[in-house]
Amino acid sequence: MRRFVLSLSVLVLSFAASAQVTVKDAWVRATVAQQKATGAFMQLLSAQDAQLISAQSPVAGVVEVHEMRMDGGVMKMRAVPKLALPAGKAVDLKPGSYHVMLMDLKGQVKDGDTVPVTLVVEGQDGKRQTLDIQAVARAGAAAAMKHDDGHAHKHKH
């Protein structure tokens, strides 16, 4: 019996080590017909230092992790090769900041649709974890593009 409990403990610890990142409140901005890109947003929490290294979705031809930031009064967006996920610190992927960009959309993403997104996270030990999430599409792109001051800003890619 003691050997069984020890084996079970090792199994649980191994699972806990690989299940290092949790995802909360995943959503995607709904699109209009003919729109070719949108963003996915969520909160990531890692039990250990890790990094988000890639993402993919069957609804898009290209999926990248992006950063948006103000530069000289212009909002600029760029792809980043990885996003740090410090241990125990929630990382928000949100409009106007870091987010997952879904480009070359294969069709319209309508309000209420469920969009599958796969995230790949790498721990400091080099081990990778794949997270399959279901993000619900929400309407209201104009409101999401406004910032805390309530004004829409110019965007540059």
N, C-alpha and C. Protein backbone atom coordinates (compact mmCIF):
# COMPACT_ATOMS: atom_id res chain seq x y z
N MET A 1 0.83 -1.19 0.00
CA MET A 1 0.00 0.00 0.00
C MET A 1 0.87 1.26 0.00
N ARG A 2 1.94 1.23 0.79
CA ARG A 2 2.81 2.39 0.87
C ARG A 2 3.43 2.69 -0.51
N ARG A 3 3.82 1.67 -1.24
CA ARG A 3 4.41 1.85 -2.56
C ARG A 3 3.38 2.48 -3.51
N PHE A 4 2.11 2.06 -3.41
CA PHE A 4 1.05 2.61 -4.25
C PHE A 4 0.87 4.10 -3.97
N VAL A 5 0.82 4.47 -2.69
CA VAL A 5 0.65 5.88 -2.31
C VAL A 5 1.83 6.70 -2.82
N LEU A 6 3.05 6.18 -2.69
CA LEU A 6 4.23 6.88 -3.17
C LEU A 6 4.17 7.05 -4.69
N SER A 7 3.79 6.01 -5.40
CA SER A 7 3.66 6.09 -6.86
C SER A 7 2.60 7.10 -7.26
N LEU A 8 1.48 7.10 -6.55
CA LEU A 8 0.41 8.05 -6.84
C LEU A 8 0.88 9.48 -6.57
N SER A 9 1.64 9.69 -5.51
CA SER A 9 2.17 11.02 -5.19
C SER A 9 3.09 11.51 -6.29
N VAL A 10 3.95 10.65 -6.80
CA VAL A 10 4.86 11.03 -7.87
C VAL A 10 4.07 11.38 -9.12
N LEU A 11 3.05 10.62 -9.43
CA LEU A 11 2.20 10.89 -10.59
C LEU A 11 1.53 12.25 -10.45
N VAL A 12 0.98 12.55 -9.30
CA VAL A 12 0.31 13.84 -9.07
C VAL A 12 1.31 14.98 -9.19
N LEU A 13 2.50 14.84 -8.62
CA LEU A 13 3.51 15.88 -8.72
C LEU A 13 3.95 16.09 -10.17
N SER A 14 4.08 15.02 -10.93
CA SER A 14 4.45 15.14 -12.34
C SER A 14 3.38 15.88 -13.11
N PHE A 15 2.12 15.59 -12.85
CA PHE A 15 1.03 16.27 -13.53
C PHE A 15 1.01 17.75 -13.15
N ALA A 16 1.22 18.05 -11.87
CA ALA A 16 1.21 19.43 -11.42
C ALA A 16 2.32 20.23 -12.09
N ALA A 17 3.48 19.62 -12.28
CA ALA A 17 4.59 20.32 -12.91
C ALA A 17 4.28 20.63 -14.37
N SER A 18 3.58 19.74 -15.07
CA SER A 18 3.28 20.00 -16.47
C SER A 18 2.06 20.89 -16.65
N ALA A 19 1.18 20.94 -15.69
CA ALA A 19 -0.01 21.79 -15.77
C ALA A 19 0.29 23.12 -15.11
N GLN A 20 1.24 23.87 -15.68
CA GLN A 20 1.75 25.05 -15.01
C GLN A 20 0.99 26.34 -15.31
N VAL A 21 0.21 26.39 -16.39
CA VAL A 21 -0.45 27.64 -16.77
C VAL A 21 -1.96 27.44 -16.82
N THR A 22 -2.68 28.39 -16.25
CA THR A 22 -4.13 28.37 -16.33
C THR A 22 -4.59 29.60 -17.11
N VAL A 23 -5.72 29.46 -17.78
CA VAL A 23 -6.29 30.52 -18.60
C VAL A 23 -7.64 30.90 -18.02
N LYS A 24 -7.89 32.20 -17.93
CA LYS A 24 -9.14 32.70 -17.37
C LYS A 24 -9.73 33.76 -18.31
N ASP A 25 -11.04 33.78 -18.42
CA ASP A 25 -11.79 34.82 -19.16
C ASP A 25 -11.33 35.00 -20.61
N ALA A 26 -11.19 33.91 -21.35
CA ALA A 26 -10.77 34.00 -22.76
C ALA A 26 -11.93 34.47 -23.63
N TRP A 27 -11.66 35.47 -24.48
CA TRP A 27 -12.65 35.96 -25.42
C TRP A 27 -11.97 36.47 -26.68
N VAL A 28 -12.75 36.56 -27.75
CA VAL A 28 -12.28 37.05 -29.04
C VAL A 28 -13.22 38.17 -29.46
N ARG A 29 -12.67 39.22 -30.06
CA ARG A 29 -13.50 40.32 -30.56
C ARG A 29 -14.22 39.84 -31.82
N ALA A 30 -15.55 39.94 -31.84
CA ALA A 30 -16.34 39.58 -33.01
C ALA A 30 -15.97 40.50 -34.18
N THR A 31 -16.20 40.01 -35.39
CA THR A 31 -15.83 40.78 -36.58
C THR A 31 -17.06 41.10 -37.42
N VAL A 32 -16.84 41.93 -38.42
CA VAL A 32 -17.87 42.20 -39.41
C VAL A 32 -17.51 41.40 -40.66
N ALA A 33 -18.46 41.25 -41.57
CA ALA A 33 -18.20 40.51 -42.81
C ALA A 33 -16.99 41.11 -43.52
N GLN A 34 -16.18 40.28 -44.10
CA GLN A 34 -14.98 40.64 -44.86
C GLN A 34 -13.80 41.12 -44.00
N GLN A 35 -13.97 41.23 -42.68
CA GLN A 35 -12.85 41.60 -41.81
C GLN A 35 -11.88 40.44 -41.76
N LYS A 36 -10.59 40.70 -41.88
CA LYS A 36 -9.59 39.64 -41.99
C LYS A 36 -8.75 39.44 -40.74
N ALA A 37 -9.01 40.22 -39.68
CA ALA A 37 -8.20 40.05 -38.46
C ALA A 37 -9.02 40.41 -37.23
N THR A 38 -8.63 39.82 -36.10
CA THR A 38 -9.24 40.14 -34.82
C THR A 38 -8.27 39.74 -33.72
N GLY A 39 -8.63 40.07 -32.49
CA GLY A 39 -7.76 39.74 -31.37
C GLY A 39 -8.42 38.79 -30.40
N ALA A 40 -7.60 38.01 -29.72
CA ALA A 40 -8.06 37.13 -28.64
C ALA A 40 -7.41 37.63 -27.35
N PHE A 41 -8.21 37.63 -26.29
CA PHE A 41 -7.80 38.22 -25.03
C PHE A 41 -8.10 37.26 -23.89
N MET A 42 -7.30 37.31 -22.83
CA MET A 42 -7.47 36.39 -21.70
C MET A 42 -6.51 36.77 -20.60
N GLN A 43 -6.60 36.07 -19.50
CA GLN A 43 -5.63 36.21 -18.42
C GLN A 43 -4.89 34.89 -18.26
N LEU A 44 -3.58 34.96 -18.18
CA LEU A 44 -2.74 33.77 -18.02
C LEU A 44 -2.07 33.82 -16.65
N LEU A 45 -2.05 32.69 -15.98
CA LEU A 45 -1.39 32.59 -14.68
C LEU A 45 -0.54 31.33 -14.68
N SER A 46 0.74 31.51 -14.45
CA SER A 46 1.68 30.39 -14.45
C SER A 46 2.18 30.12 -13.04
N ALA A 47 2.22 28.86 -12.67
CA ALA A 47 2.73 28.47 -11.36
C ALA A 47 4.25 28.58 -11.31
N GLN A 48 4.88 28.50 -12.48
CA GLN A 48 6.34 28.59 -12.58
C GLN A 48 6.68 29.61 -13.65
N ASP A 49 7.91 30.16 -13.61
CA ASP A 49 8.32 31.06 -14.69
C ASP A 49 8.21 30.30 -16.01
N ALA A 50 7.59 30.94 -16.99
CA ALA A 50 7.38 30.32 -18.30
C ALA A 50 7.26 31.43 -19.33
N GLN A 51 7.01 31.04 -20.57
CA GLN A 51 6.78 32.03 -21.61
C GLN A 51 5.80 31.47 -22.64
N LEU A 52 4.93 32.34 -23.11
CA LEU A 52 4.02 32.01 -24.20
C LEU A 52 4.83 32.15 -25.47
N ILE A 53 4.99 31.05 -26.22
CA ILE A 53 5.87 31.10 -27.40
C ILE A 53 5.13 31.05 -28.73
N SER A 54 3.88 30.57 -28.73
CA SER A 54 3.12 30.57 -29.98
C SER A 54 1.65 30.30 -29.71
N ALA A 55 0.87 30.51 -30.76
CA ALA A 55 -0.57 30.25 -30.70
C ALA A 55 -1.03 29.86 -32.10
N GLN A 56 -2.15 29.17 -32.15
CA GLN A 56 -2.75 28.81 -33.44
C GLN A 56 -4.25 28.65 -33.26
N SER A 57 -4.96 28.75 -34.36
CA SER A 57 -6.41 28.57 -34.36
C SER A 57 -6.85 28.14 -35.75
N PRO A 58 -7.82 27.22 -35.82
CA PRO A 58 -8.29 26.80 -37.14
C PRO A 58 -9.10 27.87 -37.86
N VAL A 59 -9.47 28.96 -37.18
CA VAL A 59 -10.26 30.02 -37.83
C VAL A 59 -9.37 31.03 -38.54
N ALA A 60 -8.04 30.94 -38.36
CA ALA A 60 -7.13 31.93 -38.93
C ALA A 60 -5.95 31.26 -39.62
N GLY A 61 -5.49 31.88 -40.69
CA GLY A 61 -4.32 31.38 -41.40
C GLY A 61 -3.03 31.71 -40.67
N VAL A 62 -3.02 32.83 -39.95
CA VAL A 62 -1.84 33.28 -39.21
C VAL A 62 -2.28 33.69 -37.80
N VAL A 63 -1.54 33.21 -36.80
CA VAL A 63 -1.81 33.57 -35.41
C VAL A 63 -0.49 33.95 -34.76
N GLU A 64 -0.45 35.15 -34.15
CA GLU A 64 0.77 35.64 -33.53
C GLU A 64 0.46 36.28 -32.19
N VAL A 65 1.45 36.28 -31.31
CA VAL A 65 1.35 37.03 -30.06
C VAL A 65 1.84 38.45 -30.38
N HIS A 66 1.02 39.45 -30.04
CA HIS A 66 1.32 40.84 -30.37
C HIS A 66 1.39 41.71 -29.12
N GLU A 67 2.11 42.82 -29.29
CA GLU A 67 2.17 43.86 -28.28
C GLU A 67 1.70 45.15 -28.92
N MET A 68 0.87 45.90 -28.20
CA MET A 68 0.47 47.24 -28.64
C MET A 68 0.99 48.21 -27.59
N ARG A 69 1.54 49.34 -28.10
CA ARG A 69 2.02 50.35 -27.16
C ARG A 69 2.01 51.71 -27.85
N MET A 70 1.91 52.74 -27.04
CA MET A 70 1.94 54.10 -27.56
C MET A 70 3.38 54.49 -27.86
N ASP A 71 3.59 55.12 -29.02
CA ASP A 71 4.91 55.59 -29.42
C ASP A 71 4.73 56.91 -30.14
N GLY A 72 5.08 58.00 -29.49
CA GLY A 72 4.94 59.32 -30.10
C GLY A 72 3.50 59.68 -30.42
N GLY A 73 2.57 59.28 -29.58
CA GLY A 73 1.16 59.59 -29.80
C GLY A 73 0.46 58.66 -30.77
N VAL A 74 1.16 57.65 -31.26
CA VAL A 74 0.57 56.69 -32.19
C VAL A 74 0.63 55.30 -31.57
N MET A 75 -0.49 54.58 -31.63
CA MET A 75 -0.52 53.22 -31.13
C MET A 75 0.13 52.32 -32.17
N LYS A 76 1.18 51.59 -31.74
CA LYS A 76 1.89 50.69 -32.65
C LYS A 76 1.72 49.26 -32.17
N MET A 77 1.62 48.36 -33.14
CA MET A 77 1.45 46.94 -32.83
C MET A 77 2.55 46.17 -33.54
N ARG A 78 3.10 45.18 -32.82
CA ARG A 78 4.13 44.34 -33.43
C ARG A 78 4.05 42.94 -32.84
N ALA A 79 4.48 41.97 -33.64
CA ALA A 79 4.56 40.59 -33.15
C ALA A 79 5.74 40.47 -32.21
N VAL A 80 5.58 39.65 -31.18
CA VAL A 80 6.69 39.37 -30.26
C VAL A 80 6.98 37.87 -30.32
N PRO A 81 8.26 37.48 -30.24
CA PRO A 81 8.60 36.06 -30.34
C PRO A 81 8.17 35.26 -29.12
N LYS A 82 8.03 35.93 -27.97
CA LYS A 82 7.60 35.25 -26.75
C LYS A 82 7.09 36.30 -25.76
N LEU A 83 6.28 35.83 -24.83
CA LEU A 83 5.73 36.70 -23.79
C LEU A 83 6.03 36.05 -22.45
N ALA A 84 6.75 36.76 -21.59
CA ALA A 84 7.12 36.23 -20.28
C ALA A 84 5.88 36.04 -19.40
N LEU A 85 5.84 34.91 -18.70
CA LEU A 85 4.78 34.61 -17.74
C LEU A 85 5.47 34.35 -16.39
N PRO A 86 5.68 35.42 -15.60
CA PRO A 86 6.36 35.25 -14.31
C PRO A 86 5.54 34.38 -13.35
N ALA A 87 6.22 33.57 -12.57
CA ALA A 87 5.55 32.67 -11.62
C ALA A 87 4.64 33.43 -10.68
N GLY A 88 3.38 32.99 -10.59
CA GLY A 88 2.42 33.54 -9.65
C GLY A 88 1.87 34.91 -9.98
N LYS A 89 2.24 35.47 -11.13
CA LYS A 89 1.77 36.81 -11.51
C LYS A 89 0.84 36.70 -12.72
N ALA A 90 -0.38 37.19 -12.58
CA ALA A 90 -1.34 37.16 -13.69
C ALA A 90 -0.86 38.08 -14.81
N VAL A 91 -0.91 37.59 -16.04
CA VAL A 91 -0.56 38.38 -17.21
C VAL A 91 -1.84 38.55 -18.02
N ASP A 92 -2.25 39.80 -18.19
CA ASP A 92 -3.47 40.11 -18.92
C ASP A 92 -3.18 40.34 -20.39
N LEU A 93 -3.84 39.60 -21.24
CA LEU A 93 -3.84 39.86 -22.67
C LEU A 93 -5.13 40.61 -22.92
N LYS A 94 -5.03 41.90 -23.29
CA LYS A 94 -6.21 42.75 -23.37
C LYS A 94 -6.05 43.77 -24.49
N PRO A 95 -7.15 44.36 -24.93
CA PRO A 95 -7.07 45.38 -25.97
C PRO A 95 -6.12 46.50 -25.55
N GLY A 96 -5.29 46.95 -26.49
CA GLY A 96 -4.35 48.03 -26.21
C GLY A 96 -3.08 47.57 -25.52
N SER A 97 -2.86 46.26 -25.43
CA SER A 97 -1.70 45.72 -24.73
C SER A 97 -1.27 44.44 -25.45
N TYR A 98 -0.78 43.47 -24.70
CA TYR A 98 -0.47 42.17 -25.29
C TYR A 98 -1.78 41.46 -25.64
N HIS A 99 -1.76 40.70 -26.74
CA HIS A 99 -2.94 39.94 -27.16
C HIS A 99 -2.51 38.90 -28.19
N VAL A 100 -3.41 38.00 -28.51
CA VAL A 100 -3.18 37.04 -29.58
C VAL A 100 -3.91 37.56 -30.81
N MET A 101 -3.16 37.77 -31.88
CA MET A 101 -3.72 38.32 -33.11
C MET A 101 -4.07 37.18 -34.06
N LEU A 102 -5.33 37.13 -34.49
CA LEU A 102 -5.82 36.14 -35.45
C LEU A 102 -5.96 36.85 -36.80
N MET A 103 -5.14 36.46 -37.77
CA MET A 103 -5.12 37.13 -39.07
C MET A 103 -5.44 36.14 -40.19
N ASP A 104 -5.78 36.69 -41.34
CA ASP A 104 -6.18 35.88 -42.48
C ASP A 104 -7.34 34.97 -42.06
N LEU A 105 -8.35 35.61 -41.46
CA LEU A 105 -9.52 34.87 -40.98
C LEU A 105 -10.19 34.13 -42.13
N LYS A 106 -10.66 32.94 -41.84
CA LYS A 106 -11.30 32.09 -42.84
C LYS A 106 -12.79 32.36 -42.97
N GLY A 107 -13.31 33.20 -42.10
CA GLY A 107 -14.73 33.57 -42.13
C GLY A 107 -15.01 34.56 -41.01
N GLN A 108 -16.23 35.07 -41.00
CA GLN A 108 -16.62 36.02 -39.98
C GLN A 108 -16.70 35.35 -38.61
N VAL A 109 -16.25 36.04 -37.58
CA VAL A 109 -16.38 35.59 -36.20
C VAL A 109 -17.55 36.38 -35.61
N LYS A 110 -18.66 35.70 -35.40
CA LYS A 110 -19.88 36.37 -34.96
C LYS A 110 -20.02 36.36 -33.45
N ASP A 111 -20.69 37.38 -32.94
CA ASP A 111 -20.96 37.49 -31.51
C ASP A 111 -21.57 36.19 -31.01
N GLY A 112 -20.98 35.61 -29.97
CA GLY A 112 -21.48 34.36 -29.40
C GLY A 112 -20.79 33.11 -29.93
N ASP A 113 -20.06 33.23 -31.05
CA ASP A 113 -19.32 32.07 -31.57
C ASP A 113 -18.27 31.62 -30.55
N THR A 114 -17.93 30.35 -30.60
CA THR A 114 -16.83 29.83 -29.80
C THR A 114 -15.65 29.60 -30.73
N VAL A 115 -14.52 30.19 -30.40
CA VAL A 115 -13.33 30.13 -31.24
C VAL A 115 -12.26 29.30 -30.53
N PRO A 116 -11.85 28.17 -31.12
CA PRO A 116 -10.77 27.38 -30.52
C PRO A 116 -9.42 28.07 -30.75
N VAL A 117 -8.64 28.15 -29.69
CA VAL A 117 -7.29 28.71 -29.76
C VAL A 117 -6.37 27.78 -28.99
N THR A 118 -5.24 27.47 -29.57
CA THR A 118 -4.24 26.64 -28.90
C THR A 118 -3.03 27.51 -28.58
N LEU A 119 -2.64 27.51 -27.31
CA LEU A 119 -1.47 28.25 -26.86
C LEU A 119 -0.35 27.26 -26.56
N VAL A 120 0.88 27.63 -26.87
CA VAL A 120 2.03 26.81 -26.53
C VAL A 120 2.89 27.62 -25.56
N VAL A 121 3.10 27.02 -24.39
CA VAL A 121 3.86 27.66 -23.32
C VAL A 121 5.10 26.80 -23.05
N GLU A 122 6.22 27.47 -22.83
CA GLU A 122 7.46 26.76 -22.54
C GLU A 122 7.96 27.17 -21.16
N GLY A 123 8.28 26.17 -20.34
CA GLY A 123 8.82 26.41 -19.01
C GLY A 123 10.31 26.64 -19.07
N GLN A 124 10.90 27.05 -17.95
CA GLN A 124 12.35 27.27 -17.89
C GLN A 124 13.14 26.00 -18.19
N ASP A 125 12.51 24.86 -17.94
CA ASP A 125 13.17 23.58 -18.20
C ASP A 125 13.11 23.17 -19.67
N GLY A 126 12.48 24.00 -20.51
CA GLY A 126 12.37 23.71 -21.93
C GLY A 126 11.18 22.85 -22.29
N LYS A 127 10.46 22.35 -21.29
CA LYS A 127 9.28 21.53 -21.56
C LYS A 127 8.14 22.42 -22.02
N ARG A 128 7.39 21.92 -22.99
CA ARG A 128 6.28 22.69 -23.55
C ARG A 128 4.94 22.14 -23.09
N GLN A 129 4.01 23.04 -22.90
CA GLN A 129 2.64 22.70 -22.52
C GLN A 129 1.73 23.30 -23.59
N THR A 130 0.79 22.51 -24.06
CA THR A 130 -0.20 22.98 -25.03
C THR A 130 -1.52 23.18 -24.31
N LEU A 131 -2.09 24.36 -24.47
CA LEU A 131 -3.37 24.69 -23.83
C LEU A 131 -4.42 24.91 -24.91
N ASP A 132 -5.43 24.08 -24.93
CA ASP A 132 -6.54 24.24 -25.87
C ASP A 132 -7.65 24.98 -25.15
N ILE A 133 -7.98 26.16 -25.64
CA ILE A 133 -9.02 26.97 -24.99
C ILE A 133 -10.14 27.25 -25.98
N GLN A 134 -11.28 27.58 -25.44
CA GLN A 134 -12.45 27.95 -26.23
C GLN A 134 -12.79 29.38 -25.84
N ALA A 135 -12.54 30.32 -26.74
CA ALA A 135 -12.79 31.73 -26.48
C ALA A 135 -14.12 32.13 -27.10
N VAL A 136 -14.96 32.80 -26.33
CA VAL A 136 -16.27 33.24 -26.82
C VAL A 136 -16.13 34.60 -27.49
N ALA A 137 -16.73 34.74 -28.67
CA ALA A 137 -16.67 36.00 -29.41
C ALA A 137 -17.64 37.01 -28.80
N ARG A 138 -17.16 38.23 -28.65
CA ARG A 138 -17.96 39.33 -28.10
C ARG A 138 -17.98 40.48 -29.09
N ALA A 139 -19.13 41.11 -29.24
CA ALA A 139 -19.27 42.28 -30.10
C ALA A 139 -18.76 43.51 -29.36
N GLY A 140 -18.66 44.60 -30.09
CA GLY A 140 -18.29 45.86 -29.46
C GLY A 140 -16.86 46.26 -29.73
N ALA A 141 -16.41 46.11 -30.97
CA ALA A 141 -15.03 46.44 -31.30
C ALA A 141 -14.72 47.91 -31.06
N ALA A 142 -15.65 48.80 -31.34
CA ALA A 142 -15.40 50.23 -31.16
C ALA A 142 -15.12 50.55 -29.70
N ALA A 143 -15.89 49.97 -28.80
CA ALA A 143 -15.68 50.21 -27.37
C ALA A 143 -14.34 49.63 -26.92
N ALA A 144 -13.97 48.48 -27.46
CA ALA A 144 -12.72 47.84 -27.07
C ALA A 144 -11.51 48.60 -27.58
N MET A 145 -11.66 49.36 -28.67
CA MET A 145 -10.54 50.10 -29.24
C MET A 145 -10.29 51.40 -28.50
N LYS A 146 -11.21 51.82 -27.65
CA LYS A 146 -11.01 53.04 -26.86
C LYS A 146 -10.18 52.70 -25.64
N HIS A 147 -9.46 53.67 -25.17
CA HIS A 147 -8.60 53.47 -24.02
C HIS A 147 -9.21 54.15 -22.81
N ASP A 148 -8.52 54.09 -21.69
CA ASP A 148 -9.05 54.60 -20.44
C ASP A 148 -9.51 56.05 -20.51
N ASP A 149 -8.92 56.86 -21.39
CA ASP A 149 -9.33 58.25 -21.48
C ASP A 149 -10.60 58.43 -22.31
N GLY A 150 -11.11 57.33 -22.90
CA GLY A 150 -12.37 57.37 -23.64
C GLY A 150 -12.23 57.83 -25.07
N HIS A 151 -11.02 58.11 -25.54
CA HIS A 151 -10.80 58.58 -26.90
C HIS A 151 -10.22 57.46 -27.76
N ALA A 152 -10.69 57.41 -28.99
CA ALA A 152 -10.10 56.45 -29.93
C ALA A 152 -8.72 56.98 -30.33
N HIS A 153 -7.77 56.07 -30.55
CA HIS A 153 -6.40 56.46 -30.92
C HIS A 153 -6.06 55.91 -32.29
N LYS A 154 -5.12 56.58 -32.95
CA LYS A 154 -4.62 56.08 -34.22
C LYS A 154 -3.81 54.83 -33.98
N HIS A 155 -3.89 53.89 -34.92
CA HIS A 155 -3.14 52.63 -34.79
C HIS A 155 -2.23 52.48 -36.00
N LYS A 156 -1.02 51.99 -35.77
CA LYS A 156 -0.08 51.76 -36.85
C LYS A 156 0.50 50.37 -36.69
N HIS A 157 0.54 49.60 -37.76
CA HIS A 157 1.11 48.24 -37.74
C HIS A 157 2.50 48.25 -38.29
